[in-house]
PDB file of N, CA and C in Angstrom:
ATOM      1  N   MET A   1     109.966 105.538 107.388  1.00  0.00           N
ATOM      2  CA  MET A   1     109.566 105.143 108.713  1.00  0.00           C
ATOM      3  C   MET A   1     110.380 103.955 109.211  1.00  0.00           C
ATOM      4  N   GLU A   2     111.489 103.743 108.597  1.00  0.00           N
ATOM      5  CA  GLU A   2     112.366 102.655 109.032  1.00  0.00           C
ATOM      6  C   GLU A   2     112.813 102.911 110.467  1.00  0.00           C
ATOM      7  N   GLY A   3     112.644 101.918 111.311  1.00  0.00           N
ATOM      8  CA  GLY A   3     113.040 102.052 112.702  1.00  0.00           C
ATOM      9  C   GLY A   3     111.984 102.675 113.590  1.00  0.00           C
ATOM     10  N   TYR A   4     110.830 103.034 113.021  1.00  0.00           N
ATOM     11  CA  TYR A   4     109.737 103.606 113.806  1.00  0.00           C
ATOM     12  C   TYR A   4     108.818 102.484 114.265  1.00  0.00           C
ATOM     13  N   VAL A   5     108.195 102.678 115.421  1.00  0.00           N
ATOM     14  CA  VAL A   5     107.212 101.730 115.940  1.00  0.00           C
ATOM     15  C   VAL A   5     105.892 102.469 116.155  1.00  0.00           C
ATOM     16  N   LYS A   6     104.809 101.720 116.141  1.00  0.00           N
ATOM     17  CA  LYS A   6     103.502 102.312 116.421  1.00  0.00           C
ATOM     18  C   LYS A   6     103.432 102.584 117.918  1.00  0.00           C
ATOM     19  N   VAL A   7     103.264 103.838 118.268  1.00  0.00           N
ATOM     20  CA  VAL A   7     103.250 104.242 119.669  1.00  0.00           C
ATOM     21  C   VAL A   7     101.834 104.204 120.236  1.00  0.00           C
ATOM     22  N   ALA A   8     100.880 104.767 119.496  1.00  0.00           N
ATOM     23  CA  ALA A   8      99.510 104.838 120.012  1.00  0.00           C
ATOM     24  C   ALA A   8      98.531 105.143 118.901  1.00  0.00           C
ATOM     25  N   VAL A   9      97.269 104.846 119.166  1.00  0.00           N
ATOM     26  CA  VAL A   9      96.182 105.227 118.265  1.00  0.00           C
ATOM     27  C   VAL A   9      95.732 106.618 118.664  1.00  0.00           C
ATOM     28  N   VAL A  10      95.520 107.462 117.663  1.00  0.00           N
ATOM     29  CA  VAL A  10      95.056 108.832 117.885  1.00  0.00           C
ATOM     30  C   VAL A  10      93.551 108.838 117.630  1.00  0.00           C
ATOM     31  N   GLU A  11      92.790 109.401 118.558  1.00  0.00           N
ATOM     32  CA  GLU A  11      91.337 109.287 118.515  1.00  0.00           C
ATOM     33  C   GLU A  11      90.661 110.149 117.460  1.00  0.00           C
ATOM     34  N   ASN A  12      91.180 111.359 117.213  1.00  0.00           N
ATOM     35  CA  ASN A  12      90.518 112.241 116.245  1.00  0.00           C
ATOM     36  C   ASN A  12      91.524 113.224 115.649  1.00  0.00           C
ATOM     37  N   GLN A  13      91.049 113.989 114.680  1.00  0.00           N
ATOM     38  CA  GLN A  13      91.908 114.926 113.959  1.00  0.00           C
ATOM     39  C   GLN A  13      92.462 116.015 114.882  1.00  0.00           C
ATOM     40  N   PHE A  14      91.690 116.468 115.832  1.00  0.00           N
ATOM     41  CA  PHE A  14      92.125 117.530 116.738  1.00  0.00           C
ATOM     42  C   PHE A  14      93.246 117.044 117.657  1.00  0.00           C
ATOM     43  N   GLU A  15      93.081 115.837 118.172  1.00  0.00           N
ATOM     44  CA  GLU A  15      94.117 115.244 119.010  1.00  0.00           C
ATOM     45  C   GLU A  15      95.396 115.049 118.192  1.00  0.00           C
ATOM     46  N   ALA A  16      95.254 114.624 116.951  1.00  0.00           N
ATOM     47  CA  ALA A  16      96.413 114.436 116.067  1.00  0.00           C
ATOM     48  C   ALA A  16      97.146 115.757 115.838  1.00  0.00           C
ATOM     49  N   HIS A  17      96.390 116.809 115.601  1.00  0.00           N
ATOM     50  CA  HIS A  17      96.989 118.127 115.354  1.00  0.00           C
ATOM     51  C   HIS A  17      97.734 118.638 116.590  1.00  0.00           C
ATOM     52  N   LEU A  18      97.106 118.547 117.752  1.00  0.00           N
ATOM     53  CA  LEU A  18      97.755 118.997 118.990  1.00  0.00           C
ATOM     54  C   LEU A  18      99.020 118.186 119.281  1.00  0.00           C
ATOM     55  N   LEU A  19      98.917 116.872 119.123  1.00  0.00           N
ATOM     56  CA  LEU A  19     100.068 116.007 119.368  1.00  0.00           C
ATOM     57  C   LEU A  19     101.206 116.340 118.419  1.00  0.00           C
ATOM     58  N   ALA A  20     100.897 116.538 117.145  1.00  0.00           N
ATOM     59  CA  ALA A  20     101.926 116.873 116.155  1.00  0.00           C
ATOM     60  C   ALA A  20     102.626 118.189 116.504  1.00  0.00           C
ATOM     61  N   GLU A  21     101.862 119.168 116.958  1.00  0.00           N
ATOM     62  CA  GLU A  21     102.459 120.458 117.347  1.00  0.00           C
ATOM     63  C   GLU A  21     103.412 120.296 118.529  1.00  0.00           C
ATOM     64  N   ILE A  22     102.991 119.553 119.530  1.00  0.00           N
ATOM     65  CA  ILE A  22     103.826 119.355 120.716  1.00  0.00           C
ATOM     66  C   ILE A  22     105.093 118.586 120.361  1.00  0.00           C
ATOM     67  N   LEU A  23     104.960 117.535 119.559  1.00  0.00           N
ATOM     68  CA  LEU A  23     106.128 116.733 119.182  1.00  0.00           C
ATOM     69  C   LEU A  23     107.098 117.541 118.333  1.00  0.00           C
ATOM     70  N   ALA A  24     106.578 118.366 117.440  1.00  0.00           N
ATOM     71  CA  ALA A  24     107.441 119.219 116.618  1.00  0.00           C
ATOM     72  C   ALA A  24     108.173 120.241 117.493  1.00  0.00           C
ATOM     73  N   GLU A  25     107.449 120.820 118.455  1.00  0.00           N
ATOM     74  CA  GLU A  25     108.036 121.794 119.377  1.00  0.00           C
ATOM     75  C   GLU A  25     109.176 121.172 120.185  1.00  0.00           C
ATOM     76  N   ARG A  26     109.001 119.925 120.572  1.00  0.00           N
ATOM     77  CA  ARG A  26     110.024 119.222 121.358  1.00  0.00           C
ATOM     78  C   ARG A  26     111.053 118.506 120.485  1.00  0.00           C
ATOM     79  N   ARG A  27     110.908 118.668 119.180  1.00  0.00           N
ATOM     80  CA  ARG A  27     111.820 118.056 118.195  1.00  0.00           C
ATOM     81  C   ARG A  27     111.907 116.538 118.347  1.00  0.00           C
ATOM     82  N   ILE A  28     110.762 115.931 118.538  1.00  0.00           N
ATOM     83  CA  ILE A  28     110.670 114.479 118.625  1.00  0.00           C
ATOM     84  C   ILE A  28     110.276 113.970 117.244  1.00  0.00           C
ATOM     85  N   PRO A  29     111.108 113.150 116.624  1.00  0.00           N
ATOM     86  CA  PRO A  29     110.768 112.639 115.295  1.00  0.00           C
ATOM     87  C   PRO A  29     109.522 111.744 115.376  1.00  0.00           C
ATOM     88  N   HIS A  30     108.614 111.932 114.434  1.00  0.00           N
ATOM     89  CA  HIS A  30     107.365 111.173 114.448  1.00  0.00           C
ATOM     90  C   HIS A  30     106.704 111.216 113.079  1.00  0.00           C
ATOM     91  N   THR A  31     105.745 110.344 112.907  1.00  0.00           N
ATOM     92  CA  THR A  31     104.890 110.340 111.725  1.00  0.00           C
ATOM     93  C   THR A  31     103.480 110.016 112.191  1.00  0.00           C
ATOM     94  N   LEU A  32     102.519 110.765 111.680  1.00  0.00           N
ATOM     95  CA  LEU A  32     101.116 110.472 111.947  1.00  0.00           C
ATOM     96  C   LEU A  32     100.530 109.859 110.681  1.00  0.00           C
ATOM     97  N   LYS A  33      99.848 108.748 110.839  1.00  0.00           N
ATOM     98  CA  LYS A  33      99.240 108.081 109.691  1.00  0.00           C
ATOM     99  C   LYS A  33      97.748 107.944 109.940  1.00  0.00           C
ATOM    100  N   SER A  34      96.952 108.532 109.053  1.00  0.00           N
ATOM    101  CA  SER A  34      95.506 108.469 109.160  1.00  0.00           C
ATOM    102  C   SER A  34      95.002 107.115 108.671  1.00  0.00           C
ATOM    103  N   TYR A  35      93.930 106.650 109.278  1.00  0.00           N
ATOM    104  CA  TYR A  35      93.282 105.423 108.837  1.00  0.00           C
ATOM    105  C   TYR A  35      92.238 105.691 107.744  1.00  0.00           C
ATOM    106  N   TYR A  36      92.117 106.943 107.318  1.00  0.00           N
ATOM    107  CA  TYR A  36      91.109 107.284 106.313  1.00  0.00           C
ATOM    108  C   TYR A  36      91.390 106.540 105.016  1.00  0.00           C
ATOM    109  N   ASP A  37      90.337 105.993 104.446  1.00  0.00           N
ATOM    110  CA  ASP A  37      90.421 105.313 103.162  1.00  0.00           C
ATOM    111  C   ASP A  37      89.263 105.825 102.315  1.00  0.00           C
ATOM    112  N   ALA A  38      89.582 106.492 101.217  1.00  0.00           N
ATOM    113  CA  ALA A  38      88.550 107.085 100.364  1.00  0.00           C
ATOM    114  C   ALA A  38      87.582 106.032  99.835  1.00  0.00           C
ATOM    115  N   ALA A  39      88.068 104.832  99.583  1.00  0.00           N
ATOM    116  CA  ALA A  39      87.206 103.782  99.049  1.00  0.00           C
ATOM    117  C   ALA A  39      86.094 103.408 100.020  1.00  0.00           C
ATOM    118  N   TYR A  40      86.363 103.558 101.312  1.00  0.00           N
ATOM    119  CA  TYR A  40      85.361 103.212 102.327  1.00  0.00           C
ATOM    120  C   TYR A  40      84.821 104.451 103.033  1.00  0.00           C
ATOM    121  N   ASP A  41      85.137 105.621 102.523  1.00  0.00           N
ATOM    122  CA  ASP A  41      84.648 106.904 103.041  1.00  0.00           C
ATOM    123  C   ASP A  41      84.831 107.056 104.551  1.00  0.00           C
ATOM    124  N   GLY A  42      86.004 106.672 105.037  1.00  0.00           N
ATOM    125  CA  GLY A  42      86.323 106.882 106.444  1.00  0.00           C
ATOM    126  C   GLY A  42      85.719 105.879 107.405  1.00  0.00           C
ATOM    127  N   LEU A  43      85.163 104.801 106.899  1.00  0.00           N
ATOM    128  CA  LEU A  43      84.521 103.797 107.749  1.00  0.00           C
ATOM    129  C   LEU A  43      85.453 103.273 108.838  1.00  0.00           C
ATOM    130  N   PHE A  44      86.714 103.041 108.503  1.00  0.00           N
ATOM    131  CA  PHE A  44      87.647 102.476 109.473  1.00  0.00           C
ATOM    132  C   PHE A  44      88.004 103.471 110.572  1.00  0.00           C
ATOM    133  N   GLN A  45      87.938 104.761 110.290  1.00  0.00           N
ATOM    134  CA  GLN A  45      88.226 105.747 111.322  1.00  0.00           C
ATOM    135  C   GLN A  45      87.170 105.691 112.425  1.00  0.00           C
ATOM    136  N   ALA A  46      85.940 105.398 112.081  1.00  0.00           N
ATOM    137  CA  ALA A  46      84.889 105.301 113.095  1.00  0.00           C
ATOM    138  C   ALA A  46      85.100 104.077 113.977  1.00  0.00           C
ATOM    139  N   GLN A  47      85.735 103.051 113.439  1.00  0.00           N
ATOM    140  CA  GLN A  47      85.933 101.816 114.183  1.00  0.00           C
ATOM    141  C   GLN A  47      87.271 101.751 114.903  1.00  0.00           C
ATOM    142  N   LYS A  48      88.323 102.282 114.272  1.00  0.00           N
ATOM    143  CA  LYS A  48      89.679 102.094 114.783  1.00  0.00           C
ATOM    144  C   LYS A  48      90.316 103.350 115.358  1.00  0.00           C
ATOM    145  N   GLY A  49      89.689 104.503 115.223  1.00  0.00           N
ATOM    146  CA  GLY A  49      90.307 105.756 115.637  1.00  0.00           C
ATOM    147  C   GLY A  49      90.777 106.522 114.414  1.00  0.00           C
ATOM    148  N   TRP A  50      91.183 107.763 114.587  1.00  0.00           N
ATOM    149  CA  TRP A  50      91.576 108.606 113.457  1.00  0.00           C
ATOM    150  C   TRP A  50      92.803 108.058 112.748  1.00  0.00           C
ATOM    151  N   GLY A  51      93.763 107.584 113.515  1.00  0.00           N
ATOM    152  CA  GLY A  51      95.014 107.096 112.931  1.00  0.00           C
ATOM    153  C   GLY A  51      95.970 106.694 114.035  1.00  0.00           C
ATOM    154  N   ALA A  52      97.251 106.695 113.705  1.00  0.00           N
ATOM    155  CA  ALA A  52      98.249 106.268 114.686  1.00  0.00           C
ATOM    156  C   ALA A  52      99.486 107.152 114.589  1.00  0.00           C
ATOM    157  N   VAL A  53     100.207 107.227 115.690  1.00  0.00           N
ATOM    158  CA  VAL A  53     101.473 107.953 115.723  1.00  0.00           C
ATOM    159  C   VAL A  53     102.597 106.919 115.787  1.00  0.00           C
ATOM    160  N   TYR A  54     103.593 107.133 114.940  1.00  0.00           N
ATOM    161  CA  TYR A  54     104.769 106.270 114.867  1.00  0.00           C
ATOM    162  C   TYR A  54     105.998 107.098 115.209  1.00  0.00           C
ATOM    163  N   ALA A  55     106.957 106.489 115.906  1.00  0.00           N
ATOM    164  CA  ALA A  55     108.171 107.197 116.308  1.00  0.00           C
ATOM    165  C   ALA A  55     109.268 106.185 116.625  1.00  0.00           C
ATOM    166  N   PRO A  56     110.516 106.651 116.749  1.00  0.00           N
ATOM    167  CA  PRO A  56     111.589 105.746 117.176  1.00  0.00           C
ATOM    168  C   PRO A  56     111.282 105.212 118.579  1.00  0.00           C
ATOM    169  N   PRO A  57     111.648 103.973 118.854  1.00  0.00           N
ATOM    170  CA  PRO A  57     111.323 103.348 120.149  1.00  0.00           C
ATOM    171  C   PRO A  57     111.786 104.145 121.364  1.00  0.00           C
ATOM    172  N   GLU A  58     112.888 104.869 121.247  1.00  0.00           N
ATOM    173  CA  GLU A  58     113.397 105.604 122.413  1.00  0.00           C
ATOM    174  C   GLU A  58     112.493 106.769 122.833  1.00  0.00           C
ATOM    175  N   HIS A  59     111.533 107.160 121.976  1.00  0.00           N
ATOM    176  CA  HIS A  59     110.614 108.257 122.303  1.00  0.00           C
ATOM    177  C   HIS A  59     109.222 107.759 122.673  1.00  0.00           C
ATOM    178  N   GLU A  60     109.044 106.455 122.666  1.00  0.00           N
ATOM    179  CA  GLU A  60     107.727 105.858 122.886  1.00  0.00           C
ATOM    180  C   GLU A  60     107.101 106.278 124.222  1.00  0.00           C
ATOM    181  N   ALA A  61     107.835 106.186 125.302  1.00  0.00           N
ATOM    182  CA  ALA A  61     107.299 106.518 126.630  1.00  0.00           C
ATOM    183  C   ALA A  61     106.942 107.999 126.727  1.00  0.00           C
ATOM    184  N   GLU A  62     107.783 108.859 126.197  1.00  0.00           N
ATOM    185  CA  GLU A  62     107.522 110.300 126.263  1.00  0.00           C
ATOM    186  C   GLU A  62     106.266 110.666 125.467  1.00  0.00           C
ATOM    187  N   ILE A  63     106.107 110.082 124.294  1.00  0.00           N
ATOM    188  CA  ILE A  63     104.927 110.361 123.477  1.00  0.00           C
ATOM    189  C   ILE A  63     103.670 109.833 124.158  1.00  0.00           C
ATOM    190  N   ALA A  64     103.735 108.649 124.726  1.00  0.00           N
ATOM    191  CA  ALA A  64     102.587 108.093 125.440  1.00  0.00           C
ATOM    192  C   ALA A  64     102.191 108.999 126.608  1.00  0.00           C
ATOM    193  N   GLU A  65     103.175 109.540 127.289  1.00  0.00           N
ATOM    194  CA  GLU A  65     102.911 110.458 128.409  1.00  0.00           C
ATOM    195  C   GLU A  65     102.253 111.747 127.918  1.00  0.00           C
ATOM    196  N   ILE A  66     102.742 112.295 126.815  1.00  0.00           N
ATOM    197  CA  ILE A  66     102.168 113.522 126.239  1.00  0.00           C
ATOM    198  C   ILE A  66     100.724 113.273 125.836  1.00  0.00           C
ATOM    199  N   LEU A  67     100.478 112.156 125.179  1.00  0.00           N
ATOM    200  CA  LEU A  67      99.127 111.829 124.729  1.00  0.00           C
ATOM    201  C   LEU A  67      98.188 111.626 125.914  1.00  0.00           C
ATOM    202  N   ALA A  68      98.640 110.962 126.944  1.00  0.00           N
ATOM    203  CA  ALA A  68      97.820 110.773 128.143  1.00  0.00           C
ATOM    204  C   ALA A  68      97.483 112.118 128.777  1.00  0.00           C
ATOM    205  N   SER A  69      98.448 113.025 128.789  1.00  0.00           N
ATOM    206  CA  SER A  69      98.224 114.353 129.344  1.00  0.00           C
ATOM    207  C   SER A  69      97.182 115.120 128.522  1.00  0.00           C
ATOM    208  N   LEU A  70      97.260 115.011 127.205  1.00  0.00           N
ATOM    209  CA  LEU A  70      96.279 115.679 126.339  1.00  0.00           C
ATOM    210  C   LEU A  70      94.872 115.165 126.607  1.00  0.00           C
ATOM    211  N   ARG A  71      94.768 113.884 126.839  1.00  0.00           N
ATOM    212  CA  ARG A  71      93.462 113.261 127.028  1.00  0.00           C
ATOM    213  C   ARG A  71      92.838 113.545 128.393  1.00  0.00           C
ATOM    214  N   THR A  72      93.638 113.919 129.360  1.00  0.00           N
ATOM    215  CA  THR A  72      93.102 114.179 130.703  1.00  0.00           C
ATOM    216  C   THR A  72      92.897 115.659 130.989  1.00  0.00           C
ATOM    217  N   GLN A  73      93.390 116.535 130.120  1.00  0.00           N
ATOM    218  CA  GLN A  73      93.220 117.960 130.330  1.00  0.00           C
ATOM    219  C   GLN A  73      91.773 118.356 130.056  1.00  0.00           C
ATOM    220  N   PRO A  74      91.190 119.163 130.934  1.00  0.00           N
ATOM    221  CA  PRO A  74      89.825 119.646 130.661  1.00  0.00           C
ATOM    222  C   PRO A  74      89.869 120.645 129.490  1.00  0.00           C
ATOM    223  N   PRO A  75      88.775 120.747 128.733  1.00  0.00           N
ATOM    224  CA  PRO A  75      88.742 121.707 127.623  1.00  0.00           C
ATOM    225  C   PRO A  75      88.908 123.138 128.118  1.00  0.00           C
ATOM    226  N   ALA A  76      89.575 123.958 127.324  1.00  0.00           N
ATOM    227  CA  ALA A  76      89.787 125.363 127.682  1.00  0.00           C
ATOM    228  C   ALA A  76      88.470 126.115 127.581  1.00  0.00           C
ATOM    229  N   GLU A  77      88.236 126.985 128.553  1.00  0.00           N
ATOM    230  CA  GLU A  77      87.022 127.808 128.526  1.00  0.00           C
ATOM    231  C   GLU A  77      87.329 129.101 127.812  1.00  0.00           C
ATOM    232  N   GLU A  78      86.334 129.602 127.116  1.00  0.00           N
ATOM    233  CA  GLU A  78      86.519 130.859 126.376  1.00  0.00           C
ATOM    234  C   GLU A  78      86.249 132.045 127.251  1.00  0.00           C
TER     235      GLU A  78
END
């Protein structure tokens, strides 16, 4: 993760999965790091969010835009 910066906190596992798929599709280098800690049985995830996305600084704005778009989209109806 040398040269990567923390771009944003990811709220839950589903948001992390969707974001990872979109970033992979667009070939944007990234790493998702969960805040889960087995010793505390996920206590920090309830307080801090699921985890964070890290990426090179030049992709920071694009990732923030993608994440904002994911968060404002209404859920798909079946």
